[in-house]
Amino acid sequence: MQLPRCVRIPLFRDHPGFPRPRKGPLLGRALLVVVAPTDCDARAVRQLWRRLRPLGVRVAVASECHGEARGVDGTPLFPDCLLIEVQPESWDGVVFAGGAGAARVAEDPLARDLARRFAAQGRIVAALGEGRRVLAAAGLQGVASDEPGELAALTAAPLEPMRGPR
């Protein structure tokens, strides 16, 4: 008897996310990027990471479900954690990624609540492109840009270098 073929969903430990920075004036700072499991703007998320890594900012990705997230163009993006596991105290800010999947994230009450919790604690709340929908659905105003480089500069500005233990 032959067993049915199963689809294996990669776990977080199978594919590490973005490498952590080792130096930079903002070393020790962390920014979380929330992406939709499908149709996210993976290209813009990678550009944001490339801009912030030289500054020492750790960029991690969160999604609402296990497995890789798929960009609009089909490229994979490997989340570091689940949305339900995120504790705002562990992050300096949150960015909601764009793409067509941002509409799905905007409908998620957990994502809207997360945005409100970050804002209530005075942390950075930002959006890339269509990620603005999440901010609007949460009733928040945050930093928003269609350009990852511009958003990197806007989000890194409030992150001054660390002084002492966090």
C-alpha atoms as a PDB file:
ATOM      1  CA  MET A   1       0.000   0.000   0.000  1.00  0.00           C
ATOM      2  CA  GLN A   2       1.345   3.381  -0.986  1.00  0.00           C
ATOM      3  CA  LEU A   3       0.843   6.354   1.316  1.00  0.00           C
ATOM      4  CA  PRO A   4      -0.584   9.544  -0.177  1.00  0.00           C
ATOM      5  CA  ARG A   5       1.987  12.164  -1.011  1.00  0.00           C
ATOM      6  CA  CYS A   6       2.089  14.982   1.515  1.00  0.00           C
ATOM      7  CA  VAL A   7       2.989  18.564   0.901  1.00  0.00           C
ATOM      8  CA  ARG A   8       5.724  19.705   3.249  1.00  0.00           C
ATOM      9  CA  ILE A   9       5.464  23.269   4.483  1.00  0.00           C
ATOM     10  CA  PRO A  10       8.870  24.725   5.370  1.00  0.00           C
ATOM     11  CA  LEU A  11       9.207  25.764   8.989  1.00  0.00           C
ATOM     12  CA  PHE A  12      11.057  28.881  10.103  1.00  0.00           C
ATOM     13  CA  ARG A  13      14.134  26.919  11.151  1.00  0.00           C
ATOM     14  CA  ASP A  14      14.365  25.357   7.672  1.00  0.00           C
ATOM     15  CA  HIS A  15      14.951  28.703   5.963  1.00  0.00           C
ATOM     16  CA  PRO A  16      16.453  31.494   8.004  1.00  0.00           C
ATOM     17  CA  GLY A  17      15.184  34.980   7.332  1.00  0.00           C
ATOM     18  CA  PHE A  18      17.400  37.958   6.620  1.00  0.00           C
ATOM     19  CA  PRO A  19      20.899  37.742   8.147  1.00  0.00           C
ATOM     20  CA  ARG A  20      21.410  39.867  11.242  1.00  0.00           C
ATOM     21  CA  PRO A  21      23.699  42.867  10.886  1.00  0.00           C
ATOM     22  CA  ARG A  22      27.037  42.773  12.708  1.00  0.00           C
ATOM     23  CA  LYS A  23      27.884  46.463  12.741  1.00  0.00           C
ATOM     24  CA  GLY A  24      26.397  49.874  12.208  1.00  0.00           C
ATOM     25  CA  PRO A  25      25.440  52.968  14.198  1.00  0.00           C
ATOM     26  CA  LEU A  26      22.003  51.516  15.026  1.00  0.00           C
ATOM     27  CA  LEU A  27      23.209  48.020  15.927  1.00  0.00           C
ATOM     28  CA  GLY A  28      20.748  46.374  18.279  1.00  0.00           C
ATOM     29  CA  ARG A  29      17.664  48.057  16.852  1.00  0.00           C
ATOM     30  CA  ALA A  30      14.963  45.846  15.342  1.00  0.00           C
ATOM     31  CA  LEU A  31      12.202  46.483  12.818  1.00  0.00           C
ATOM     32  CA  LEU A  32       9.447  43.972  12.084  1.00  0.00           C
ATOM     33  CA  VAL A  33       7.910  43.766   8.613  1.00  0.00           C
ATOM     34  CA  VAL A  34       4.443  42.188   8.389  1.00  0.00           C
ATOM     35  CA  VAL A  35       3.722  40.507   5.057  1.00  0.00           C
ATOM     36  CA  ALA A  36       0.741  38.699   3.565  1.00  0.00           C
ATOM     37  CA  PRO A  37       1.288  34.981   2.897  1.00  0.00           C
ATOM     38  CA  THR A  38       0.603  35.579  -0.803  1.00  0.00           C
ATOM     39  CA  ASP A  39       0.960  38.539  -3.144  1.00  0.00           C
ATOM     40  CA  CYS A  40       3.186  40.585  -0.839  1.00  0.00           C
ATOM     41  CA  ASP A  41       5.681  43.091  -2.192  1.00  0.00           C
ATOM     42  CA  ALA A  42       8.747  40.936  -1.477  1.00  0.00           C
ATOM     43  CA  ARG A  43      10.961  43.122  -3.664  1.00  0.00           C
ATOM     44  CA  ALA A  44      10.263  46.217  -1.577  1.00  0.00           C
ATOM     45  CA  VAL A  45      10.806  44.280   1.675  1.00  0.00           C
ATOM     46  CA  ARG A  46      14.216  43.137   0.423  1.00  0.00           C
ATOM     47  CA  GLN A  47      15.087  46.713  -0.609  1.00  0.00           C
ATOM     48  CA  LEU A  48      14.123  47.973   2.852  1.00  0.00           C
ATOM     49  CA  TRP A  49      16.360  45.311   4.430  1.00  0.00           C
ATOM     50  CA  ARG A  50      19.274  46.245   2.129  1.00  0.00           C
ATOM     51  CA  ARG A  51      18.938  49.910   3.165  1.00  0.00           C
ATOM     52  CA  LEU A  52      18.669  49.294   6.912  1.00  0.00           C
ATOM     53  CA  ARG A  53      21.227  46.483   7.349  1.00  0.00           C
ATOM     54  CA  PRO A  54      24.313  48.724   6.877  1.00  0.00           C
ATOM     55  CA  LEU A  55      22.943  50.919   9.673  1.00  0.00           C
ATOM     56  CA  GLY A  56      22.825  47.883  11.971  1.00  0.00           C
ATOM     57  CA  VAL A  57      19.030  47.581  12.085  1.00  0.00           C
ATOM     58  CA  ARG A  58      17.771  44.006  12.250  1.00  0.00           C
ATOM     59  CA  VAL A  59      14.856  43.494   9.854  1.00  0.00           C
ATOM     60  CA  ALA A  60      12.639  40.465  10.480  1.00  0.00           C
ATOM     61  CA  VAL A  61       9.512  39.283   8.696  1.00  0.00           C
ATOM     62  CA  ALA A  62       6.239  38.120  10.277  1.00  0.00           C
ATOM     63  CA  SER A  63       3.306  36.457   8.561  1.00  0.00           C
ATOM     64  CA  GLU A  64      -0.043  35.145   9.724  1.00  0.00           C
ATOM     65  CA  CYS A  65       0.752  31.508   8.848  1.00  0.00           C
ATOM     66  CA  HIS A  66       3.635  29.034   8.654  1.00  0.00           C
ATOM     67  CA  GLY A  67       5.576  28.541   5.465  1.00  0.00           C
ATOM     68  CA  GLU A  68       7.078  30.893   2.977  1.00  0.00           C
ATOM     69  CA  ALA A  69       5.325  34.024   1.876  1.00  0.00           C
ATOM     70  CA  ARG A  70       5.059  34.553  -1.857  1.00  0.00           C
ATOM     71  CA  GLY A  71       5.717  37.842  -3.530  1.00  0.00           C
ATOM     72  CA  VAL A  72       3.556  39.301  -6.277  1.00  0.00           C
ATOM     73  CA  ASP A  73       6.119  38.031  -8.797  1.00  0.00           C
ATOM     74  CA  GLY A  74       6.275  34.584  -7.137  1.00  0.00           C
ATOM     75  CA  THR A  75       9.560  35.044  -5.290  1.00  0.00           C
ATOM     76  CA  PRO A  76       9.671  33.485  -1.822  1.00  0.00           C
ATOM     77  CA  LEU A  77      10.157  35.400   1.400  1.00  0.00           C
ATOM     78  CA  PHE A  78      10.798  33.425   4.567  1.00  0.00           C
ATOM     79  CA  PRO A  79       9.134  34.778   7.712  1.00  0.00           C
ATOM     80  CA  ASP A  80      10.993  34.744  11.016  1.00  0.00           C
ATOM     81  CA  CYS A  81       7.906  34.486  13.188  1.00  0.00           C
ATOM     82  CA  LEU A  82       4.139  34.275  13.240  1.00  0.00           C
ATOM     83  CA  LEU A  83       2.008  37.366  13.689  1.00  0.00           C
ATOM     84  CA  ILE A  84       0.376  35.866  16.769  1.00  0.00           C
ATOM     85  CA  GLU A  85       3.805  35.522  18.480  1.00  0.00           C
ATOM     86  CA  VAL A  86       4.838  39.170  18.075  1.00  0.00           C
ATOM     87  CA  GLN A  87       5.398  41.179  21.247  1.00  0.00           C
ATOM     88  CA  PRO A  88       5.753  44.926  20.506  1.00  0.00           C
ATOM     89  CA  GLU A  89       8.174  45.294  23.428  1.00  0.00           C
ATOM     90  CA  SER A  90      10.741  43.275  21.443  1.00  0.00           C
ATOM     91  CA  TRP A  91      10.701  45.608  18.431  1.00  0.00           C
ATOM     92  CA  ASP A  92      11.421  49.258  17.777  1.00  0.00           C
ATOM     93  CA  GLY A  93       8.809  49.463  15.055  1.00  0.00           C
ATOM     94  CA  VAL A  94       6.571  47.672  12.605  1.00  0.00           C
ATOM     95  CA  VAL A  95       6.196  48.092   8.844  1.00  0.00           C
ATOM     96  CA  PHE A  96       3.238  46.683   6.934  1.00  0.00           C
ATOM     97  CA  ALA A  97       4.359  45.560   3.479  1.00  0.00           C
ATOM     98  CA  GLY A  98       2.446  46.360   0.335  1.00  0.00           C
ATOM     99  CA  GLY A  99       1.339  44.291  -2.598  1.00  0.00           C
ATOM    100  CA  ALA A 100      -2.114  42.956  -3.427  1.00  0.00           C
ATOM    101  CA  GLY A 101      -2.008  40.783  -0.287  1.00  0.00           C
ATOM    102  CA  ALA A 102      -2.051  43.878   1.932  1.00  0.00           C
ATOM    103  CA  ALA A 103      -5.849  43.926   1.594  1.00  0.00           C
ATOM    104  CA  ARG A 104      -5.932  40.514   3.276  1.00  0.00           C
ATOM    105  CA  VAL A 105      -3.708  41.741   6.106  1.00  0.00           C
ATOM    106  CA  ALA A 106      -5.939  44.808   6.553  1.00  0.00           C
ATOM    107  CA  GLU A 107      -8.908  42.486   7.143  1.00  0.00           C
ATOM    108  CA  ASP A 108      -7.036  40.550   9.841  1.00  0.00           C
ATOM    109  CA  PRO A 109      -8.109  41.786  13.319  1.00  0.00           C
ATOM    110  CA  LEU A 110      -4.815  40.532  14.767  1.00  0.00           C
ATOM    111  CA  ALA A 111      -2.801  42.725  12.367  1.00  0.00           C
ATOM    112  CA  ARG A 112      -4.949  45.783  13.131  1.00  0.00           C
ATOM    113  CA  ASP A 113      -4.611  45.153  16.867  1.00  0.00           C
ATOM    114  CA  LEU A 114      -0.848  44.763  16.492  1.00  0.00           C
ATOM    115  CA  ALA A 115      -0.617  48.127  14.723  1.00  0.00           C
ATOM    116  CA  ARG A 116      -2.613  49.766  17.531  1.00  0.00           C
ATOM    117  CA  ARG A 117      -0.431  48.150  20.222  1.00  0.00           C
ATOM    118  CA  PHE A 118       2.761  49.419  18.555  1.00  0.00           C
ATOM    119  CA  ALA A 119       1.276  52.916  18.271  1.00  0.00           C
ATOM    120  CA  ALA A 120       0.054  52.885  21.902  1.00  0.00           C
ATOM    121  CA  GLN A 121       3.593  52.122  23.057  1.00  0.00           C
ATOM    122  CA  GLY A 122       5.016  54.995  21.000  1.00  0.00           C
ATOM    123  CA  ARG A 123       6.846  52.705  18.590  1.00  0.00           C
ATOM    124  CA  ILE A 124       7.269  53.289  14.856  1.00  0.00           C
ATOM    125  CA  VAL A 125       4.263  52.269  12.760  1.00  0.00           C
ATOM    126  CA  ALA A 126       4.857  52.452   9.013  1.00  0.00           C
ATOM    127  CA  ALA A 127       3.625  51.093   5.699  1.00  0.00           C
ATOM    128  CA  LEU A 128       5.083  50.312   2.301  1.00  0.00           C
ATOM    129  CA  GLY A 129       2.766  51.010  -0.631  1.00  0.00           C
ATOM    130  CA  GLU A 130      -0.560  49.208  -0.210  1.00  0.00           C
ATOM    131  CA  GLY A 131       0.354  48.473   3.415  1.00  0.00           C
ATOM    132  CA  ARG A 132      -1.383  51.813   4.063  1.00  0.00           C
ATOM    133  CA  ARG A 133      -4.621  49.836   4.033  1.00  0.00           C
ATOM    134  CA  VAL A 134      -3.674  48.217   7.334  1.00  0.00           C
ATOM    135  CA  LEU A 135      -3.018  51.606   8.942  1.00  0.00           C
ATOM    136  CA  ALA A 136      -6.328  52.940   7.630  1.00  0.00           C
ATOM    137  CA  ALA A 137      -8.228  49.856   8.836  1.00  0.00           C
ATOM    138  CA  ALA A 138      -6.615  50.253  12.273  1.00  0.00           C
ATOM    139  CA  GLY A 139      -7.568  53.951  12.342  1.00  0.00           C
ATOM    140  CA  LEU A 140      -3.932  55.045  12.565  1.00  0.00           C
ATOM    141  CA  GLN A 141      -1.712  57.501  10.841  1.00  0.00           C
ATOM    142  CA  GLY A 142       1.847  56.360  10.423  1.00  0.00           C
ATOM    143  CA  VAL A 143       4.832  56.806   8.177  1.00  0.00           C
ATOM    144  CA  ALA A 144       3.936  55.618   4.669  1.00  0.00           C
ATOM    145  CA  SER A 145       5.868  55.548   1.431  1.00  0.00           C
ATOM    146  CA  ASP A 146       5.857  53.809  -1.925  1.00  0.00           C
ATOM    147  CA  GLU A 147       9.656  53.902  -2.017  1.00  0.00           C
ATOM    148  CA  PRO A 148      11.596  51.477   0.264  1.00  0.00           C
ATOM    149  CA  GLY A 149      14.641  53.751   0.357  1.00  0.00           C
ATOM    150  CA  GLU A 150      12.568  56.703   1.521  1.00  0.00           C
ATOM    151  CA  LEU A 151      10.810  54.557   4.127  1.00  0.00           C
ATOM    152  CA  ALA A 152      14.178  53.253   5.361  1.00  0.00           C
ATOM    153  CA  ALA A 153      15.355  56.821   5.958  1.00  0.00           C
ATOM    154  CA  LEU A 154      12.090  57.810   7.656  1.00  0.00           C
ATOM    155  CA  THR A 155      12.023  54.788   9.979  1.00  0.00           C
ATOM    156  CA  ALA A 156      15.736  54.887  10.816  1.00  0.00           C
ATOM    157  CA  ALA A 157      15.605  58.574  11.812  1.00  0.00           C
ATOM    158  CA  PRO A 158      13.682  57.997  15.090  1.00  0.00           C
ATOM    159  CA  LEU A 159      15.985  55.079  15.946  1.00  0.00           C
ATOM    160  CA  GLU A 160      18.866  56.836  17.602  1.00  0.00           C
ATOM    161  CA  PRO A 161      21.914  54.775  18.638  1.00  0.00           C
ATOM    162  CA  MET A 162      21.437  52.660  21.756  1.00  0.00           C
ATOM    163  CA  ARG A 163      22.811  53.926  25.037  1.00  0.00           C
ATOM    164  CA  GLY A 164      23.313  51.149  27.529  1.00  0.00           C
ATOM    165  CA  PRO A 165      21.315  47.964  27.911  1.00  0.00           C
ATOM    166  CA  ARG A 166      17.852  47.748  26.468  1.00  0.00           C
END
